[in-house]
Amino acid sequence: MDLNGSKEFVEKFEDKVKADLTSFLQKKGALDPHVPECPDVEEKWGLIARSYMPDGAREFQEHPVASLGWMMLIGMAMAYYWDTDWEANAARTDFYEKLRDARGYDNMDDTVIEDILGYKDEAAEKVSDLVAECASRVYGILSHEHIEPGTQAALGCYIAALHQLYLVGMAMELNALGYHMTPLNN
């Protein structure tokens, strides 16, 4: 596969993941028809992805759903940081490390869902289940592409999957925080 073909393949894959997650979360009532955006949080993607990749790629081999789902949780945490005090958080460069180190990589779900977002009991379980379902869906999409492991296309699709999970996590939390995008009447 040539480099340009690989890039086009990855872009189509990312579009497929975005469409699937958006549709699924809208049906679940976790996203409005117009998905909220937050350029401040979106701009942090590259920084977070570079920090996350060593852990995420290593964990993907044995725990692919966690490796994918954790990025959705990071997107949710980032939306929360933006909503609560972006002025204090905007210059930070250690978002991922702080989340990971609070309880360890394996417990990042508890760190984000309980400690950061404040969900408890049934609400925490509901969020955890929704994240797990999204990550499982993305893993299924990845698996059905039959991409050869260790290739540029495999890495590109993994990063594209993480990117969409980050963005959908951000959007889902923005919705939960009350940011609903509605048309303005002139």
Protein backbone atom coordinates (compact mmCIF):
# COMPACT_ATOMS: atom_id res chain seq x y z
CA MET A 1 0.00 0.00 0.00
CA ASP A 2 1.47 3.36 -0.96
CA LEU A 3 1.62 6.28 1.45
CA ASN A 4 -1.15 8.25 -0.26
CA GLY A 5 -3.43 5.22 -0.36
CA SER A 6 -2.74 4.65 3.31
CA LYS A 7 -3.63 8.26 4.18
CA GLU A 8 -6.87 8.07 2.23
CA PHE A 9 -7.70 4.72 3.87
CA VAL A 10 -7.10 6.17 7.35
CA GLU A 11 -9.22 9.23 6.60
CA LYS A 12 -12.12 7.03 5.43
CA PHE A 13 -11.69 4.87 8.50
CA GLU A 14 -11.80 7.92 10.80
CA ASP A 15 -14.96 9.16 9.07
CA LYS A 16 -16.53 5.73 9.58
CA VAL A 17 -15.67 5.76 13.31
CA LYS A 18 -17.00 9.30 13.72
CA ALA A 19 -20.29 8.48 12.00
CA ASP A 20 -20.77 5.29 14.02
CA LEU A 21 -20.03 6.87 17.40
CA THR A 22 -22.08 9.98 16.73
CA SER A 23 -25.10 7.99 15.60
CA PHE A 24 -24.83 5.55 18.51
CA LEU A 25 -24.52 8.28 21.15
CA GLN A 26 -27.35 10.30 19.63
CA LYS A 27 -29.60 7.24 19.81
CA LYS A 28 -28.58 6.80 23.45
CA GLY A 29 -29.43 10.45 24.17
CA ALA A 30 -25.84 11.30 25.11
CA LEU A 31 -25.38 13.69 22.17
CA ASP A 32 -27.71 16.23 20.58
CA PRO A 33 -28.32 16.20 16.81
CA HIS A 34 -25.79 19.05 16.52
CA VAL A 35 -22.65 17.81 18.26
CA PRO A 36 -20.97 20.45 20.45
CA GLU A 37 -17.45 21.53 19.59
CA CYS A 38 -14.75 23.09 21.72
CA PRO A 39 -11.69 24.34 19.82
CA ASP A 40 -9.75 24.92 23.07
CA VAL A 41 -10.01 21.23 23.98
CA GLU A 42 -9.56 20.07 20.39
CA GLU A 43 -6.25 21.95 20.24
CA LYS A 44 -4.90 19.83 23.10
CA TRP A 45 -5.36 16.61 21.11
CA GLY A 46 -1.80 16.46 19.71
CA LEU A 47 -0.20 17.00 23.11
CA ILE A 48 -2.39 14.38 24.75
CA ALA A 49 -1.97 11.87 21.94
CA ARG A 50 1.84 12.09 22.10
CA SER A 51 1.75 11.55 25.87
CA TYR A 52 -0.77 8.71 25.66
CA MET A 53 0.69 6.70 22.77
CA PRO A 54 3.41 4.79 24.65
CA ASP A 55 0.92 3.50 27.24
CA GLY A 56 -2.04 3.14 24.91
CA ALA A 57 -0.18 1.26 22.18
CA ARG A 58 1.42 -1.10 24.71
CA GLU A 59 -1.92 -1.82 26.40
CA PHE A 60 -3.74 -2.30 23.10
CA GLN A 61 -2.20 -5.75 22.64
CA GLU A 62 -3.82 -7.25 25.76
CA HIS A 63 -6.59 -4.74 26.55
CA PRO A 64 -7.75 -3.07 23.34
CA VAL A 65 -11.10 -1.86 24.69
CA ALA A 66 -9.45 -0.15 27.67
CA SER A 67 -6.75 1.33 25.43
CA LEU A 68 -9.45 2.88 23.26
CA GLY A 69 -11.93 3.74 26.00
CA TRP A 70 -9.42 5.57 28.15
CA MET A 71 -9.03 8.16 25.40
CA MET A 72 -12.78 8.81 25.43
CA LEU A 73 -12.52 9.36 29.18
CA ILE A 74 -9.63 11.77 28.66
CA GLY A 75 -11.82 13.76 26.25
CA MET A 76 -14.52 13.87 28.90
CA ALA A 77 -12.07 15.08 31.54
CA MET A 78 -10.77 17.75 29.18
CA ALA A 79 -14.30 19.09 28.62
CA TYR A 80 -14.74 19.24 32.38
CA TYR A 81 -11.46 21.13 32.80
CA TRP A 82 -12.54 23.55 30.09
CA ASP A 83 -15.91 24.14 31.75
CA THR A 84 -14.65 24.54 35.30
CA ASP A 85 -11.49 26.67 34.92
CA TRP A 86 -9.90 26.76 31.48
CA GLU A 87 -7.92 29.85 32.39
CA ALA A 88 -6.03 27.82 34.98
CA ASN A 89 -5.82 24.71 32.79
CA ALA A 90 -5.10 26.09 29.31
CA ALA A 91 -1.32 26.27 29.77
CA ARG A 92 -0.97 22.81 31.30
CA THR A 93 0.96 20.18 29.38
CA ASP A 94 0.54 17.24 31.78
CA PHE A 95 -3.15 16.38 31.42
CA TYR A 96 -2.63 12.74 30.55
CA GLU A 97 0.13 12.14 33.09
CA LYS A 98 -1.95 13.61 35.94
CA LEU A 99 -4.95 11.46 35.02
CA ARG A 100 -2.82 8.33 34.66
CA ASP A 101 -0.82 8.86 37.83
CA ALA A 102 -3.79 9.62 40.10
CA ARG A 103 -4.74 5.91 40.46
CA GLY A 104 -2.60 4.30 37.77
CA TYR A 105 -3.32 3.52 34.12
CA ASP A 106 -5.53 0.52 34.93
CA ASN A 107 -7.85 2.66 37.05
CA MET A 108 -8.14 5.69 34.80
CA ASP A 109 -11.86 5.04 34.41
CA ASP A 110 -12.38 5.48 38.15
CA THR A 111 -10.17 8.56 38.20
CA VAL A 112 -12.15 10.31 35.47
CA ILE A 113 -15.68 9.06 36.19
CA GLU A 114 -15.60 9.31 39.98
CA ASP A 115 -12.82 11.71 40.97
CA ILE A 116 -12.99 14.26 38.15
CA LEU A 117 -16.58 14.13 36.89
CA GLY A 118 -18.10 13.17 40.24
CA TYR A 119 -20.37 10.36 39.05
CA LYS A 120 -21.34 7.81 41.70
CA ASP A 121 -23.18 4.50 41.85
CA GLU A 122 -25.68 4.00 39.00
CA ALA A 123 -24.64 7.18 37.19
CA ALA A 124 -20.98 6.08 37.26
CA GLU A 125 -21.93 2.62 36.02
CA LYS A 126 -24.01 4.10 33.20
CA VAL A 127 -21.12 6.31 32.01
CA SER A 128 -18.64 3.45 32.34
CA ASP A 129 -20.91 1.14 30.32
CA LEU A 130 -21.41 3.76 27.61
CA VAL A 131 -17.66 4.34 27.29
CA ALA A 132 -17.03 0.58 27.17
CA GLU A 133 -19.69 0.16 24.47
CA CYS A 134 -18.17 2.97 22.38
CA ALA A 135 -14.68 1.49 22.73
CA SER A 136 -16.00 -1.98 21.83
CA ARG A 137 -17.73 -0.59 18.76
CA VAL A 138 -14.52 1.09 17.62
CA TYR A 139 -12.52 -2.08 18.26
CA GLY A 140 -15.06 -3.97 16.15
CA ILE A 141 -14.66 -1.47 13.32
CA LEU A 142 -10.87 -1.79 13.58
CA SER A 143 -11.08 -5.59 13.56
CA HIS A 144 -13.34 -5.70 10.52
CA GLU A 145 -10.85 -3.68 8.47
CA HIS A 146 -8.37 -6.61 8.64
CA ILE A 147 -5.42 -4.24 8.84
CA GLU A 148 -2.02 -5.90 9.09
CA PRO A 149 -0.60 -5.23 12.58
CA GLY A 150 2.57 -3.17 12.74
CA THR A 151 1.91 -1.33 9.49
CA GLN A 152 1.60 2.39 8.90
CA ALA A 153 -2.10 1.88 8.17
CA ALA A 154 -2.58 0.07 11.50
CA LEU A 155 -0.93 2.88 13.44
CA GLY A 156 -2.84 5.50 11.47
CA CYS A 157 -6.17 3.80 12.14
CA TYR A 158 -5.38 3.40 15.84
CA ILE A 159 -4.55 7.10 16.13
CA ALA A 160 -7.66 8.01 14.10
CA ALA A 161 -9.78 5.86 16.42
CA LEU A 162 -8.28 7.53 19.49
CA HIS A 163 -8.87 10.96 17.95
CA GLN A 164 -12.55 10.30 17.39
CA LEU A 165 -12.98 8.79 20.85
CA TYR A 166 -11.33 11.88 22.37
CA LEU A 167 -13.64 14.19 20.42
CA VAL A 168 -16.79 12.24 21.17
CA GLY A 169 -15.85 12.03 24.86
CA MET A 170 -15.42 15.80 24.87
CA ALA A 171 -18.76 16.33 23.11
CA MET A 172 -20.60 13.90 25.36
CA GLU A 173 -19.35 15.63 28.50
CA LEU A 174 -20.14 19.07 27.09
CA ASN A 175 -23.70 17.83 26.52
CA ALA A 176 -23.83 16.48 30.08
CA LEU A 177 -22.63 19.88 31.33
CA GLY A 178 -25.51 21.58 29.54
CA TYR A 179 -23.88 22.79 26.33
CA HIS A 180 -26.57 22.23 23.73
CA MET A 181 -26.07 23.57 20.24
CA THR A 182 -29.35 24.97 18.96
CA PRO A 183 -30.03 27.13 15.93
CA LEU A 184 -30.59 30.83 16.50
CA ASN A 185 -33.77 32.30 15.04
CA ASN A 186 -33.19 35.54 13.16
